[in-house]
Amino acid sequence: MSNSDHSPAQSDGANSLGVGDESSDSPCIGVCTTLYDEICQGCGRTLNEVSNWVFFSQEEKNDVWKRIRADGTAMRFQRQAKENN
């Protein structure tokens, strides 16, 4: 299967950084910026969450996902909204 076979609507993780799909383990979309606070504007995680993500249990990751989804202000969610419209 070639890369052209993947569309943003697929949830196989192939486009995780490009469109912020829901199947990715990490909320990262490759737009890492914190500007004036300690929250990444790309994914919505704190600096501590970003730097320690690989050490988090699945339960801790789920808690972070729940919080950033509820907040919904990170670029990740803005991109998803655009893709779904």
PDB file of N, CA and C in Angstrom:
ATOM      1  N   MET A   1       0.856  -1.184   0.000  1.00  0.00           N
ATOM      2  CA  MET A   1       0.000   0.000   0.000  1.00  0.00           C
ATOM      3  C   MET A   1       0.894   1.237   0.000  1.00  0.00           C
ATOM      4  N   SER A   2       0.638   2.169  -0.856  1.00  0.00           N
ATOM      5  CA  SER A   2       1.447   3.376  -0.936  1.00  0.00           C
ATOM      6  C   SER A   2       0.868   4.464  -0.055  1.00  0.00           C
ATOM      7  N   ASN A   3       1.646   5.524   0.179  1.00  0.00           N
ATOM      8  CA  ASN A   3       1.180   6.637   0.991  1.00  0.00           C
ATOM      9  C   ASN A   3      -0.028   7.327   0.390  1.00  0.00           C
ATOM     10  N   SER A   4      -0.177   7.254  -0.923  1.00  0.00           N
ATOM     11  CA  SER A   4      -1.315   7.903  -1.567  1.00  0.00           C
ATOM     12  C   SER A   4      -2.620   7.186  -1.247  1.00  0.00           C
ATOM     13  N   ASP A   5      -2.524   5.956  -0.707  1.00  0.00           N
ATOM     14  CA  ASP A   5      -3.717   5.212  -0.334  1.00  0.00           C
ATOM     15  C   ASP A   5      -4.302   5.673   0.996  1.00  0.00           C
ATOM     16  N   HIS A   6      -3.576   6.502   1.734  1.00  0.00           N
ATOM     17  CA  HIS A   6      -4.034   6.966   3.039  1.00  0.00           C
ATOM     18  C   HIS A   6      -4.769   8.291   2.898  1.00  0.00           C
ATOM     19  N   SER A   7      -5.928   8.367   3.475  1.00  0.00           N
ATOM     20  CA  SER A   7      -6.669   9.620   3.495  1.00  0.00           C
ATOM     21  C   SER A   7      -6.783  10.084   4.937  1.00  0.00           C
ATOM     22  N   PRO A   8      -7.009  11.385   5.179  1.00  0.00           N
ATOM     23  CA  PRO A   8      -7.130  11.891   6.538  1.00  0.00           C
ATOM     24  C   PRO A   8      -8.237  11.216   7.336  1.00  0.00           C
ATOM     25  N   ALA A   9      -9.222  10.663   6.673  1.00  0.00           N
ATOM     26  CA  ALA A   9     -10.338  10.030   7.378  1.00  0.00           C
ATOM     27  C   ALA A   9      -9.944   8.677   7.970  1.00  0.00           C
ATOM     28  N   GLN A  10      -8.845   8.087   7.467  1.00  0.00           N
ATOM     29  CA  GLN A  10      -8.426   6.804   7.997  1.00  0.00           C
ATOM     30  C   GLN A  10      -7.878   6.973   9.400  1.00  0.00           C
ATOM     31  N   SER A  11      -7.996   5.909  10.197  1.00  0.00           N
ATOM     32  CA  SER A  11      -7.512   5.994  11.569  1.00  0.00           C
ATOM     33  C   SER A  11      -6.417   4.976  11.834  1.00  0.00           C
ATOM     34  N   ASP A  12      -5.532   4.743  10.855  1.00  0.00           N
ATOM     35  CA  ASP A  12      -4.465   3.769  11.038  1.00  0.00           C
ATOM     36  C   ASP A  12      -3.207   4.395  11.618  1.00  0.00           C
ATOM     37  N   GLY A  13      -3.239   5.680  11.950  1.00  0.00           N
ATOM     38  CA  GLY A  13      -2.099   6.349  12.545  1.00  0.00           C
ATOM     39  C   GLY A  13      -1.128   6.909  11.531  1.00  0.00           C
ATOM     40  N   ALA A  14      -1.324   6.648  10.255  1.00  0.00           N
ATOM     41  CA  ALA A  14      -0.382   7.085   9.231  1.00  0.00           C
ATOM     42  C   ALA A  14      -0.298   8.594   9.117  1.00  0.00           C
ATOM     43  N   ASN A  15      -1.355   9.289   9.459  1.00  0.00           N
ATOM     44  CA  ASN A  15      -1.378  10.739   9.317  1.00  0.00           C
ATOM     45  C   ASN A  15      -1.425  11.461  10.658  1.00  0.00           C
ATOM     46  N   SER A  16      -0.985  10.818  11.705  1.00  0.00           N
ATOM     47  CA  SER A  16      -1.100  11.374  13.051  1.00  0.00           C
ATOM     48  C   SER A  16      -0.557  12.791  13.161  1.00  0.00           C
ATOM     49  N   LEU A  17       0.633  13.028  12.659  1.00  0.00           N
ATOM     50  CA  LEU A  17       1.211  14.359  12.780  1.00  0.00           C
ATOM     51  C   LEU A  17       0.592  15.334  11.795  1.00  0.00           C
ATOM     52  N   GLY A  18       0.149  14.843  10.656  1.00  0.00           N
ATOM     53  CA  GLY A  18      -0.397  15.735   9.659  1.00  0.00           C
ATOM     54  C   GLY A  18      -1.763  16.303   9.992  1.00  0.00           C
ATOM     55  N   VAL A  19      -2.635  15.476  10.513  1.00  0.00           N
ATOM     56  CA  VAL A  19      -4.003  15.928  10.755  1.00  0.00           C
ATOM     57  C   VAL A  19      -4.478  15.720  12.180  1.00  0.00           C
ATOM     58  N   GLY A  20      -3.648  15.120  13.024  1.00  0.00           N
ATOM     59  CA  GLY A  20      -4.068  14.916  14.401  1.00  0.00           C
ATOM     60  C   GLY A  20      -5.171  13.893  14.522  1.00  0.00           C
ATOM     61  N   ASP A  21      -4.969  12.697  13.931  1.00  0.00           N
ATOM     62  CA  ASP A  21      -6.021  11.684  13.979  1.00  0.00           C
ATOM     63  C   ASP A  21      -6.216  11.139  15.388  1.00  0.00           C
ATOM     64  N   GLU A  22      -7.287  10.430  15.574  1.00  0.00           N
ATOM     65  CA  GLU A  22      -7.680   9.933  16.896  1.00  0.00           C
ATOM     66  C   GLU A  22      -6.989   8.631  17.288  1.00  0.00           C
ATOM     67  N   SER A  23      -6.326   7.939  16.366  1.00  0.00           N
ATOM     68  CA  SER A  23      -5.762   6.636  16.698  1.00  0.00           C
ATOM     69  C   SER A  23      -4.322   6.702  17.182  1.00  0.00           C
ATOM     70  N   SER A  24      -3.729   7.847  17.154  1.00  0.00           N
ATOM     71  CA  SER A  24      -2.343   7.992  17.569  1.00  0.00           C
ATOM     72  C   SER A  24      -2.208   7.815  19.080  1.00  0.00           C
ATOM     73  N   ASP A  25      -1.106   7.220  19.502  1.00  0.00           N
ATOM     74  CA  ASP A  25      -0.827   7.093  20.936  1.00  0.00           C
ATOM     75  C   ASP A  25      -0.588   8.464  21.558  1.00  0.00           C
ATOM     76  N   SER A  26       0.104   9.320  20.822  1.00  0.00           N
ATOM     77  CA  SER A  26       0.470  10.638  21.334  1.00  0.00           C
ATOM     78  C   SER A  26      -0.378  11.734  20.695  1.00  0.00           C
ATOM     79  N   PRO A  27      -0.735  12.750  21.456  1.00  0.00           N
ATOM     80  CA  PRO A  27      -1.482  13.877  20.894  1.00  0.00           C
ATOM     81  C   PRO A  27      -0.640  14.791  20.000  1.00  0.00           C
ATOM     82  N   CYS A  28       0.656  14.546  19.929  1.00  0.00           N
ATOM     83  CA  CYS A  28       1.558  15.423  19.176  1.00  0.00           C
ATOM     84  C   CYS A  28       1.154  15.515  17.708  1.00  0.00           C
ATOM     85  N   ILE A  29       1.175  16.741  17.172  1.00  0.00           N
ATOM     86  CA  ILE A  29       0.938  16.956  15.745  1.00  0.00           C
ATOM     87  C   ILE A  29       2.146  17.590  15.075  1.00  0.00           C
ATOM     88  N   GLY A  30       3.269  17.643  15.807  1.00  0.00           N
ATOM     89  CA  GLY A  30       4.502  18.173  15.241  1.00  0.00           C
ATOM     90  C   GLY A  30       4.568  19.687  15.189  1.00  0.00           C
ATOM     91  N   VAL A  31       3.689  20.353  15.904  1.00  0.00           N
ATOM     92  CA  VAL A  31       3.685  21.804  16.001  1.00  0.00           C
ATOM     93  C   VAL A  31       3.911  22.132  17.474  1.00  0.00           C
ATOM     94  N   CYS A  32       5.156  22.157  17.874  1.00  0.00           N
ATOM     95  CA  CYS A  32       5.500  22.285  19.289  1.00  0.00           C
ATOM     96  C   CYS A  32       5.833  23.736  19.624  1.00  0.00           C
ATOM     97  N   THR A  33       4.947  24.373  20.352  1.00  0.00           N
ATOM     98  CA  THR A  33       5.178  25.742  20.769  1.00  0.00           C
ATOM     99  C   THR A  33       4.459  26.004  22.078  1.00  0.00           C
ATOM    100  N   THR A  34       5.145  26.714  22.970  1.00  0.00           N
ATOM    101  CA  THR A  34       4.531  27.045  24.253  1.00  0.00           C
ATOM    102  C   THR A  34       4.440  28.542  24.464  1.00  0.00           C
ATOM    103  N   LEU A  35       5.035  29.313  23.603  1.00  0.00           N
ATOM    104  CA  LEU A  35       5.023  30.773  23.673  1.00  0.00           C
ATOM    105  C   LEU A  35       5.037  31.356  25.088  1.00  0.00           C
ATOM    106  N   TYR A  36       3.891  31.633  25.674  1.00  0.00           N
ATOM    107  CA  TYR A  36       3.859  32.379  26.925  1.00  0.00           C
ATOM    108  C   TYR A  36       3.426  31.576  28.142  1.00  0.00           C
ATOM    109  N   ASP A  37       3.204  30.287  27.992  1.00  0.00           N
ATOM    110  CA  ASP A  37       2.827  29.477  29.143  1.00  0.00           C
ATOM    111  C   ASP A  37       3.467  28.104  29.002  1.00  0.00           C
ATOM    112  N   GLU A  38       3.070  27.161  29.818  1.00  0.00           N
ATOM    113  CA  GLU A  38       3.669  25.834  29.786  1.00  0.00           C
ATOM    114  C   GLU A  38       2.762  24.810  29.124  1.00  0.00           C
ATOM    115  N   ILE A  39       1.864  25.271  28.255  1.00  0.00           N
ATOM    116  CA  ILE A  39       0.971  24.374  27.522  1.00  0.00           C
ATOM    117  C   ILE A  39       1.327  24.438  26.041  1.00  0.00           C
ATOM    118  N   CYS A  40       1.556  23.283  25.446  1.00  0.00           N
ATOM    119  CA  CYS A  40       1.862  23.240  24.018  1.00  0.00           C
ATOM    120  C   CYS A  40       0.616  23.628  23.235  1.00  0.00           C
ATOM    121  N   GLN A  41       0.752  24.592  22.363  1.00  0.00           N
ATOM    122  CA  GLN A  41      -0.387  25.047  21.572  1.00  0.00           C
ATOM    123  C   GLN A  41      -0.757  24.054  20.480  1.00  0.00           C
ATOM    124  N   GLY A  42       0.171  23.163  20.128  1.00  0.00           N
ATOM    125  CA  GLY A  42      -0.116  22.145  19.118  1.00  0.00           C
ATOM    126  C   GLY A  42      -0.977  21.017  19.639  1.00  0.00           C
ATOM    127  N   CYS A  43      -0.611  20.478  20.816  1.00  0.00           N
ATOM    128  CA  CYS A  43      -1.320  19.296  21.332  1.00  0.00           C
ATOM    129  C   CYS A  43      -2.097  19.537  22.611  1.00  0.00           C
ATOM    130  N   GLY A  44      -1.822  20.607  23.333  1.00  0.00           N
ATOM    131  CA  GLY A  44      -2.556  20.911  24.553  1.00  0.00           C
ATOM    132  C   GLY A  44      -1.985  20.310  25.823  1.00  0.00           C
ATOM    133  N   ARG A  45      -0.845  19.616  25.708  1.00  0.00           N
ATOM    134  CA  ARG A  45      -0.240  19.020  26.894  1.00  0.00           C
ATOM    135  C   ARG A  45       0.697  20.008  27.583  1.00  0.00           C
ATOM    136  N   THR A  46       0.936  19.745  28.871  1.00  0.00           N
ATOM    137  CA  THR A  46       1.910  20.545  29.610  1.00  0.00           C
ATOM    138  C   THR A  46       3.312  20.106  29.206  1.00  0.00           C
ATOM    139  N   LEU A  47       4.310  20.919  29.518  1.00  0.00           N
ATOM    140  CA  LEU A  47       5.690  20.547  29.214  1.00  0.00           C
ATOM    141  C   LEU A  47       6.065  19.238  29.902  1.00  0.00           C
ATOM    142  N   ASN A  48       5.605  19.047  31.127  1.00  0.00           N
ATOM    143  CA  ASN A  48       5.871  17.811  31.858  1.00  0.00           C
ATOM    144  C   ASN A  48       5.248  16.615  31.145  1.00  0.00           C
ATOM    145  N   GLU A  49       4.028  16.775  30.661  1.00  0.00           N
ATOM    146  CA  GLU A  49       3.356  15.675  29.963  1.00  0.00           C
ATOM    147  C   GLU A  49       4.064  15.338  28.661  1.00  0.00           C
ATOM    148  N   VAL A  50       4.516  16.340  27.949  1.00  0.00           N
ATOM    149  CA  VAL A  50       5.227  16.110  26.686  1.00  0.00           C
ATOM    150  C   VAL A  50       6.528  15.360  26.947  1.00  0.00           C
ATOM    151  N   SER A  51       7.311  15.854  27.910  1.00  0.00           N
ATOM    152  CA  SER A  51       8.636  15.267  28.140  1.00  0.00           C
ATOM    153  C   SER A  51       8.589  13.893  28.798  1.00  0.00           C
ATOM    154  N   ASN A  52       7.506  13.568  29.484  1.00  0.00           N
ATOM    155  CA  ASN A  52       7.416  12.283  30.170  1.00  0.00           C
ATOM    156  C   ASN A  52       6.419  11.314  29.547  1.00  0.00           C
ATOM    157  N   TRP A  53       5.859  11.662  28.394  1.00  0.00           N
ATOM    158  CA  TRP A  53       4.803  10.873  27.765  1.00  0.00           C
ATOM    159  C   TRP A  53       5.180   9.395  27.635  1.00  0.00           C
ATOM    160  N   VAL A  54       6.386   9.106  27.217  1.00  0.00           N
ATOM    161  CA  VAL A  54       6.796   7.710  26.995  1.00  0.00           C
ATOM    162  C   VAL A  54       6.848   6.908  28.284  1.00  0.00           C
ATOM    163  N   PHE A  55       6.893   7.573  29.420  1.00  0.00           N
ATOM    164  CA  PHE A  55       6.939   6.890  30.709  1.00  0.00           C
ATOM    165  C   PHE A  55       5.560   6.761  31.358  1.00  0.00           C
ATOM    166  N   PHE A  56       4.551   7.414  30.805  1.00  0.00           N
ATOM    167  CA  PHE A  56       3.207   7.386  31.376  1.00  0.00           C
ATOM    168  C   PHE A  56       2.560   6.012  31.183  1.00  0.00           C
ATOM    169  N   SER A  57       1.766   5.621  32.151  1.00  0.00           N
ATOM    170  CA  SER A  57       0.950   4.414  32.005  1.00  0.00           C
ATOM    171  C   SER A  57      -0.185   4.732  31.027  1.00  0.00           C
ATOM    172  N   GLN A  58      -0.858   3.709  30.553  1.00  0.00           N
ATOM    173  CA  GLN A  58      -1.979   3.947  29.646  1.00  0.00           C
ATOM    174  C   GLN A  58      -3.076   4.747  30.342  1.00  0.00           C
ATOM    175  N   GLU A  59      -3.286   4.507  31.612  1.00  0.00           N
ATOM    176  CA  GLU A  59      -4.287   5.256  32.371  1.00  0.00           C
ATOM    177  C   GLU A  59      -3.925   6.749  32.439  1.00  0.00           C
ATOM    178  N   GLU A  60      -2.655   7.046  32.669  1.00  0.00           N
ATOM    179  CA  GLU A  60      -2.220   8.450  32.704  1.00  0.00           C
ATOM    180  C   GLU A  60      -2.400   9.105  31.335  1.00  0.00           C
ATOM    181  N   LYS A  61      -2.052   8.377  30.279  1.00  0.00           N
ATOM    182  CA  LYS A  61      -2.242   8.906  28.926  1.00  0.00           C
ATOM    183  C   LYS A  61      -3.719   9.165  28.652  1.00  0.00           C
ATOM    184  N   ASN A  62      -4.574   8.238  29.051  1.00  0.00           N
ATOM    185  CA  ASN A  62      -6.014   8.405  28.844  1.00  0.00           C
ATOM    186  C   ASN A  62      -6.538   9.638  29.573  1.00  0.00           C
ATOM    187  N   ASP A  63      -6.028   9.880  30.781  1.00  0.00           N
ATOM    188  CA  ASP A  63      -6.436  11.066  31.550  1.00  0.00           C
ATOM    189  C   ASP A  63      -6.042  12.355  30.826  1.00  0.00           C
ATOM    190  N   VAL A  64      -4.835  12.372  30.255  1.00  0.00           N
ATOM    191  CA  VAL A  64      -4.390  13.550  29.512  1.00  0.00           C
ATOM    192  C   VAL A  64      -5.259  13.740  28.276  1.00  0.00           C
ATOM    193  N   TRP A  65      -5.480  12.654  27.526  1.00  0.00           N
ATOM    194  CA  TRP A  65      -6.336  12.724  26.337  1.00  0.00           C
ATOM    195  C   TRP A  65      -7.709  13.276  26.704  1.00  0.00           C
ATOM    196  N   LYS A  66      -8.278  12.792  27.791  1.00  0.00           N
ATOM    197  CA  LYS A  66      -9.603  13.247  28.220  1.00  0.00           C
ATOM    198  C   LYS A  66      -9.596  14.749  28.493  1.00  0.00           C
ATOM    199  N   ARG A  67      -8.574  15.219  29.196  1.00  0.00           N
ATOM    200  CA  ARG A  67      -8.486  16.641  29.531  1.00  0.00           C
ATOM    201  C   ARG A  67      -8.315  17.517  28.290  1.00  0.00           C
ATOM    202  N   ILE A  68      -7.403  17.122  27.393  1.00  0.00           N
ATOM    203  CA  ILE A  68      -7.170  17.985  26.225  1.00  0.00           C
ATOM    204  C   ILE A  68      -8.345  17.944  25.254  1.00  0.00           C
ATOM    205  N   ARG A  69      -9.048  16.822  25.186  1.00  0.00           N
ATOM    206  CA  ARG A  69     -10.259  16.766  24.351  1.00  0.00           C
ATOM    207  C   ARG A  69     -11.355  17.665  24.927  1.00  0.00           C
ATOM    208  N   ALA A  70     -11.498  17.630  26.246  1.00  0.00           N
ATOM    209  CA  ALA A  70     -12.517  18.462  26.894  1.00  0.00           C
ATOM    210  C   ALA A  70     -12.203  19.938  26.698  1.00  0.00           C
ATOM    211  N   ASP A  71     -10.921  20.290  26.772  1.00  0.00           N
ATOM    212  CA  ASP A  71     -10.516  21.677  26.565  1.00  0.00           C
ATOM    213  C   ASP A  71     -10.704  22.070  25.098  1.00  0.00           C
ATOM    214  N   GLY A  72     -10.211  21.238  24.189  1.00  0.00           N
ATOM    215  CA  GLY A  72     -10.429  21.412  22.759  1.00  0.00           C
ATOM    216  C   GLY A  72      -9.827  22.633  22.099  1.00  0.00           C
ATOM    217  N   THR A  73      -8.895  23.318  22.764  1.00  0.00           N
ATOM    218  CA  THR A  73      -8.349  24.547  22.194  1.00  0.00           C
ATOM    219  C   THR A  73      -7.041  24.350  21.436  1.00  0.00           C
ATOM    220  N   ALA A  74      -6.393  23.212  21.587  1.00  0.00           N
ATOM    221  CA  ALA A  74      -5.116  22.967  20.915  1.00  0.00           C
ATOM    222  C   ALA A  74      -5.316  22.907  19.404  1.00  0.00           C
ATOM    223  N   MET A  75      -4.254  23.230  18.657  1.00  0.00           N
ATOM    224  CA  MET A  75      -4.297  23.185  17.191  1.00  0.00           C
ATOM    225  C   MET A  75      -4.751  21.825  16.685  1.00  0.00           C
ATOM    226  N   ARG A  76      -4.399  20.765  17.413  1.00  0.00           N
ATOM    227  CA  ARG A  76      -4.813  19.411  17.035  1.00  0.00           C
ATOM    228  C   ARG A  76      -6.314  19.351  16.805  1.00  0.00           C
ATOM    229  N   PHE A  77      -7.078  19.964  17.674  1.00  0.00           N
ATOM    230  CA  PHE A  77      -8.535  19.900  17.574  1.00  0.00           C
ATOM    231  C   PHE A  77      -9.078  20.874  16.553  1.00  0.00           C
ATOM    232  N   GLN A  78      -8.387  21.979  16.339  1.00  0.00           N
ATOM    233  CA  GLN A  78      -8.786  22.926  15.298  1.00  0.00           C
ATOM    234  C   GLN A  78      -8.609  22.274  13.926  1.00  0.00           C
ATOM    235  N   ARG A  79      -7.520  21.529  13.745  1.00  0.00           N
ATOM    236  CA  ARG A  79      -7.286  20.821  12.477  1.00  0.00           C
ATOM    237  C   ARG A  79      -8.353  19.764  12.253  1.00  0.00           C
ATOM    238  N   GLN A  80      -8.699  19.023  13.311  1.00  0.00           N
ATOM    239  CA  GLN A  80      -9.727  17.991  13.167  1.00  0.00           C
ATOM    240  C   GLN A  80     -11.055  18.603  12.766  1.00  0.00           C
ATOM    241  N   ALA A  81     -11.397  19.740  13.352  1.00  0.00           N
ATOM    242  CA  ALA A  81     -12.656  20.399  13.030  1.00  0.00           C
ATOM    243  C   ALA A  81     -12.678  20.813  11.568  1.00  0.00           C
ATOM    244  N   LYS A  82     -11.547  21.341  11.071  1.00  0.00           N
ATOM    245  CA  LYS A  82     -11.451  21.749   9.668  1.00  0.00           C
ATOM    246  C   LYS A  82     -11.611  20.549   8.741  1.00  0.00           C
ATOM    247  N   GLU A  83     -10.947  19.442   9.088  1.00  0.00           N
ATOM    248  CA  GLU A  83     -10.997  18.241   8.257  1.00  0.00           C
ATOM    249  C   GLU A  83     -12.398  17.647   8.201  1.00  0.00           C
ATOM    250  N   ASN A  84     -13.169  17.826   9.269  1.00  0.00           N
ATOM    251  CA  ASN A  84     -14.519  17.247   9.331  1.00  0.00           C
ATOM    252  C   ASN A  84     -15.580  18.136   8.722  1.00  0.00           C
ATOM    253  N   ASN A  85     -15.249  19.359   8.353  1.00  0.00           N
ATOM    254  CA  ASN A  85     -16.227  20.271   7.741  1.00  0.00           C
ATOM    255  C   ASN A  85     -16.161  20.258   6.252  1.00  0.00           C
TER     256      ASN A  85
END
